[in-house]
Amino acid sequence: MPETCTVQLNIQLPQHIAQLAEEVQVADPDFLSRLVLYGLTRKTVYEHLATRGRNATAPAEGSSAVI
């Protein structure tokens, strides 16, 4: 497993969602940690693929693409 470190995040959430997050943090802090990690990983992968898609070049004229 990669080396990890603790970070403090301060975010603004709607009050209802903030209360739910606090309840989950008390009941199962590991779940909340995994949930945040999942969300950040998903965002990172999406941004990487979106950037890669923007940088892709169209096939040169006269060439054909196999689908």
Foldseek 3Di string as FASTA:
>chain_A
DDDDDDDDDDDDDPPVVVVVLVVCCVVPVVVSVVVVVVVVVVVVVVVVVVVVVVPDDDDDPPDDDDD
